[in-house]
N, C-alpha and C. Protein backbone atom coordinates (compact mmCIF):
# COMPACT_ATOMS: atom_id res chain seq x y z
N MET A 1 -34.58 182.24 -12.67
CA MET A 1 -34.65 181.29 -11.58
C MET A 1 -34.57 182.05 -10.26
N ASP A 2 -35.45 181.71 -9.36
CA ASP A 2 -35.45 182.37 -8.06
C ASP A 2 -34.60 181.55 -7.08
N PHE A 3 -33.88 182.27 -6.23
CA PHE A 3 -33.00 181.60 -5.28
C PHE A 3 -32.71 182.53 -4.11
N GLU A 4 -32.19 181.96 -3.05
CA GLU A 4 -31.79 182.71 -1.86
C GLU A 4 -30.30 182.49 -1.65
N ILE A 5 -29.55 183.58 -1.47
CA ILE A 5 -28.13 183.47 -1.17
C ILE A 5 -28.01 183.30 0.35
N LEU A 6 -27.36 182.24 0.77
CA LEU A 6 -27.24 181.93 2.20
C LEU A 6 -26.01 182.65 2.76
N LYS A 7 -26.22 183.88 3.23
CA LYS A 7 -25.08 184.71 3.63
C LYS A 7 -24.30 184.14 4.80
N ASP A 8 -24.91 183.34 5.64
CA ASP A 8 -24.19 182.76 6.78
C ASP A 8 -23.34 181.56 6.38
N GLN A 9 -23.44 181.15 5.13
CA GLN A 9 -22.66 180.00 4.66
C GLN A 9 -21.62 180.38 3.61
N ILE A 10 -21.33 181.67 3.46
CA ILE A 10 -20.31 182.10 2.51
C ILE A 10 -18.95 181.59 3.00
N GLU A 11 -18.21 180.98 2.09
CA GLU A 11 -16.89 180.44 2.43
C GLU A 11 -15.80 181.28 1.79
N PRO A 12 -14.93 181.88 2.61
CA PRO A 12 -13.79 182.62 2.03
C PRO A 12 -12.81 181.64 1.39
N PRO A 13 -11.88 182.15 0.60
CA PRO A 13 -10.93 181.26 -0.08
C PRO A 13 -10.07 180.48 0.90
N ASP A 14 -9.66 179.30 0.46
CA ASP A 14 -8.65 178.56 1.19
C ASP A 14 -7.33 179.31 1.05
N GLN A 15 -6.34 178.86 1.77
CA GLN A 15 -5.07 179.56 1.81
C GLN A 15 -4.42 179.75 0.44
N ASN A 16 -4.53 178.78 -0.43
CA ASN A 16 -3.80 178.83 -1.69
C ASN A 16 -4.65 179.11 -2.92
N ASN A 17 -5.82 179.73 -2.74
CA ASN A 17 -6.61 180.07 -3.93
C ASN A 17 -7.36 181.38 -3.70
N ASN A 18 -8.01 181.86 -4.72
CA ASN A 18 -8.74 183.13 -4.66
C ASN A 18 -10.21 182.94 -4.99
N VAL A 19 -10.78 181.80 -4.61
CA VAL A 19 -12.16 181.50 -4.97
C VAL A 19 -13.04 181.48 -3.72
N TRP A 20 -14.06 182.33 -3.75
CA TRP A 20 -15.08 182.35 -2.70
C TRP A 20 -16.18 181.39 -3.10
N ILE A 21 -16.80 180.75 -2.11
CA ILE A 21 -17.91 179.84 -2.41
C ILE A 21 -19.18 180.40 -1.78
N PHE A 22 -20.19 180.59 -2.62
CA PHE A 22 -21.50 181.07 -2.18
C PHE A 22 -22.49 179.92 -2.27
N HIS A 23 -23.18 179.67 -1.18
CA HIS A 23 -24.22 178.64 -1.16
C HIS A 23 -25.55 179.33 -1.44
N VAL A 24 -26.32 178.74 -2.33
CA VAL A 24 -27.64 179.29 -2.66
C VAL A 24 -28.69 178.19 -2.51
N ARG A 25 -29.87 178.59 -2.09
CA ARG A 25 -31.00 177.67 -2.01
C ARG A 25 -31.93 178.02 -3.15
N LEU A 26 -32.18 177.04 -3.99
CA LEU A 26 -33.03 177.24 -5.15
C LEU A 26 -34.50 177.18 -4.75
N ALA A 27 -35.31 177.91 -5.46
CA ALA A 27 -36.74 177.94 -5.15
C ALA A 27 -37.48 176.88 -5.96
N ASP A 28 -36.89 175.70 -6.06
CA ASP A 28 -37.57 174.61 -6.73
C ASP A 28 -38.35 173.79 -5.71
N LYS A 29 -39.02 172.77 -6.16
CA LYS A 29 -39.86 171.98 -5.25
C LYS A 29 -39.05 171.29 -4.17
N GLN A 30 -37.82 170.91 -4.48
CA GLN A 30 -36.99 170.21 -3.50
C GLN A 30 -36.20 171.17 -2.60
N ARG A 31 -36.27 172.47 -2.90
CA ARG A 31 -35.49 173.47 -2.15
C ARG A 31 -34.02 173.06 -2.11
N SER A 32 -33.53 172.60 -3.25
CA SER A 32 -32.15 172.13 -3.33
C SER A 32 -31.16 173.29 -3.19
N GLU A 33 -29.93 172.93 -2.88
CA GLU A 33 -28.89 173.92 -2.70
C GLU A 33 -27.81 173.72 -3.75
N ALA A 34 -27.13 174.81 -4.07
CA ALA A 34 -26.02 174.77 -5.02
C ALA A 34 -24.88 175.60 -4.47
N LYS A 35 -23.68 175.29 -4.91
CA LYS A 35 -22.50 176.08 -4.56
C LYS A 35 -22.02 176.79 -5.82
N ILE A 36 -21.76 178.08 -5.68
CA ILE A 36 -21.27 178.85 -6.81
C ILE A 36 -19.90 179.39 -6.43
N ARG A 37 -18.92 179.12 -7.29
CA ARG A 37 -17.55 179.57 -7.05
C ARG A 37 -17.36 180.92 -7.73
N ILE A 38 -16.87 181.90 -6.96
CA ILE A 38 -16.68 183.26 -7.46
C ILE A 38 -15.23 183.67 -7.24
N ASP A 39 -14.58 184.12 -8.30
CA ASP A 39 -13.20 184.59 -8.19
C ASP A 39 -13.16 185.86 -7.33
N ALA A 40 -12.14 185.98 -6.50
CA ALA A 40 -12.03 187.12 -5.57
C ALA A 40 -12.02 188.46 -6.30
N SER A 41 -11.40 188.53 -7.46
CA SER A 41 -11.36 189.81 -8.18
C SER A 41 -12.75 190.20 -8.67
N ASP A 42 -13.56 189.22 -9.09
CA ASP A 42 -14.95 189.52 -9.48
C ASP A 42 -15.74 190.00 -8.27
N LEU A 43 -15.58 189.31 -7.15
CA LEU A 43 -16.30 189.70 -5.94
C LEU A 43 -15.92 191.11 -5.51
N ASN A 44 -14.64 191.44 -5.57
CA ASN A 44 -14.20 192.79 -5.21
C ASN A 44 -14.85 193.84 -6.11
N ALA A 45 -14.93 193.55 -7.40
CA ALA A 45 -15.55 194.49 -8.34
C ALA A 45 -17.03 194.67 -8.04
N TRP A 46 -17.72 193.58 -7.70
CA TRP A 46 -19.15 193.67 -7.40
C TRP A 46 -19.41 194.43 -6.11
N VAL A 47 -18.55 194.23 -5.11
CA VAL A 47 -18.69 194.98 -3.85
C VAL A 47 -18.45 196.46 -4.11
N LYS A 48 -17.45 196.76 -4.92
CA LYS A 48 -17.17 198.16 -5.25
C LYS A 48 -18.36 198.78 -5.99
N GLN A 49 -18.98 198.00 -6.86
CA GLN A 49 -20.18 198.47 -7.58
C GLN A 49 -21.31 198.77 -6.59
N ALA A 50 -21.47 197.92 -5.58
CA ALA A 50 -22.57 198.08 -4.62
C ALA A 50 -22.30 199.18 -3.60
N LEU A 51 -21.06 199.29 -3.13
CA LEU A 51 -20.76 200.20 -2.03
C LEU A 51 -20.01 201.46 -2.46
N GLY A 52 -19.49 201.46 -3.68
CA GLY A 52 -18.71 202.61 -4.12
C GLY A 52 -17.31 202.63 -3.54
N ARG A 53 -16.87 201.51 -3.00
CA ARG A 53 -15.53 201.39 -2.43
C ARG A 53 -15.12 199.92 -2.45
N ASP A 54 -13.83 199.70 -2.27
CA ASP A 54 -13.34 198.32 -2.18
C ASP A 54 -13.78 197.73 -0.84
N PRO A 55 -13.93 196.40 -0.79
CA PRO A 55 -14.29 195.78 0.49
C PRO A 55 -13.15 195.92 1.50
N HIS A 56 -13.51 196.04 2.78
CA HIS A 56 -12.50 196.09 3.82
C HIS A 56 -11.75 194.77 3.84
N SER A 57 -10.43 194.86 3.94
CA SER A 57 -9.65 193.61 4.01
C SER A 57 -8.35 193.83 4.76
N ASP A 58 -8.39 194.73 5.75
CA ASP A 58 -7.19 195.00 6.53
C ASP A 58 -6.62 193.74 7.16
N ARG A 59 -7.51 192.85 7.61
CA ARG A 59 -7.07 191.61 8.24
C ARG A 59 -7.32 190.40 7.34
N GLY A 60 -7.42 190.63 6.05
CA GLY A 60 -7.58 189.52 5.11
C GLY A 60 -9.04 189.18 4.83
N ASP A 61 -9.24 187.92 4.45
CA ASP A 61 -10.56 187.49 3.99
C ASP A 61 -11.61 187.48 5.08
N LYS A 62 -11.22 187.26 6.33
CA LYS A 62 -12.21 187.29 7.42
C LYS A 62 -12.78 188.71 7.56
N ASP A 63 -11.95 189.71 7.37
CA ASP A 63 -12.40 191.09 7.42
C ASP A 63 -13.35 191.38 6.25
N LYS A 64 -13.01 190.87 5.07
CA LYS A 64 -13.85 191.06 3.89
C LYS A 64 -15.21 190.37 4.09
N LEU A 65 -15.19 189.17 4.68
CA LEU A 65 -16.43 188.46 4.96
C LEU A 65 -17.32 189.26 5.91
N GLY A 66 -16.72 189.84 6.94
CA GLY A 66 -17.48 190.69 7.86
C GLY A 66 -18.08 191.89 7.17
N ASP A 67 -17.33 192.48 6.25
CA ASP A 67 -17.82 193.63 5.48
C ASP A 67 -18.99 193.22 4.60
N LEU A 68 -18.90 192.04 3.97
CA LEU A 68 -20.01 191.55 3.15
C LEU A 68 -21.28 191.42 3.99
N ARG A 69 -21.15 190.78 5.14
CA ARG A 69 -22.32 190.56 5.99
C ARG A 69 -22.86 191.86 6.57
N ALA A 70 -21.98 192.79 6.94
CA ALA A 70 -22.42 194.06 7.53
C ALA A 70 -23.17 194.94 6.52
N ASN A 71 -22.84 194.79 5.25
CA ASN A 71 -23.46 195.62 4.20
C ASN A 71 -24.33 194.79 3.26
N TRP A 72 -24.86 193.70 3.78
CA TRP A 72 -25.59 192.73 2.97
C TRP A 72 -26.75 193.36 2.20
N GLU A 73 -27.46 194.28 2.78
CA GLU A 73 -28.64 194.88 2.12
C GLU A 73 -28.24 195.58 0.82
N LYS A 74 -27.04 196.15 0.78
CA LYS A 74 -26.59 196.85 -0.42
C LYS A 74 -25.90 195.90 -1.40
N ILE A 75 -25.21 194.90 -0.87
CA ILE A 75 -24.42 194.01 -1.70
C ILE A 75 -25.27 192.90 -2.33
N GLU A 76 -26.25 192.41 -1.62
CA GLU A 76 -27.05 191.27 -2.07
C GLU A 76 -27.69 191.46 -3.45
N PRO A 77 -28.28 192.63 -3.76
CA PRO A 77 -28.88 192.78 -5.10
C PRO A 77 -27.86 192.67 -6.23
N VAL A 78 -26.66 193.19 -6.01
CA VAL A 78 -25.62 193.11 -7.03
C VAL A 78 -25.15 191.65 -7.18
N LEU A 79 -24.96 190.97 -6.05
CA LEU A 79 -24.58 189.56 -6.11
C LEU A 79 -25.65 188.73 -6.81
N ARG A 80 -26.90 189.00 -6.48
CA ARG A 80 -28.02 188.26 -7.08
C ARG A 80 -28.00 188.38 -8.61
N LYS A 81 -27.74 189.58 -9.09
CA LYS A 81 -27.70 189.82 -10.53
C LYS A 81 -26.61 188.96 -11.18
N HIS A 82 -25.43 188.93 -10.58
CA HIS A 82 -24.32 188.19 -11.17
C HIS A 82 -24.44 186.68 -10.95
N LEU A 83 -24.95 186.28 -9.79
CA LEU A 83 -25.09 184.86 -9.53
C LEU A 83 -26.20 184.23 -10.36
N SER A 84 -27.24 185.03 -10.73
CA SER A 84 -28.29 184.46 -11.56
C SER A 84 -27.74 184.00 -12.90
N ALA A 85 -26.74 184.70 -13.40
CA ALA A 85 -26.11 184.28 -14.67
C ALA A 85 -25.44 182.93 -14.49
N ALA A 86 -24.84 182.69 -13.33
CA ALA A 86 -24.17 181.41 -13.08
C ALA A 86 -25.18 180.26 -12.93
N LEU A 87 -26.39 180.60 -12.52
CA LEU A 87 -27.43 179.56 -12.31
C LEU A 87 -28.29 179.33 -13.54
N ALA A 88 -28.16 180.20 -14.54
CA ALA A 88 -29.00 180.07 -15.74
C ALA A 88 -28.68 178.76 -16.45
N PRO A 89 -29.72 178.09 -16.97
CA PRO A 89 -29.49 176.82 -17.67
C PRO A 89 -28.73 176.97 -18.96
């Protein structure tokens, strides 16, 4: 399934959980959108796989979100691989 990860709509975890929310736009006729919930530990592992280091998080999740967006070209292919499994029927 083809889809676009909407990097400007990534939601960091709320105060009391460790779940990031990624919004994706599906390449179907309706161009529908879906939300995929990703555990923070999985996201950290995928960023480390893409960048060879842990994501920056000196100031918490906002810092990590900035790191994701700043290194999007390297991180996006790894995210796409893992998110496609979540979107598979």
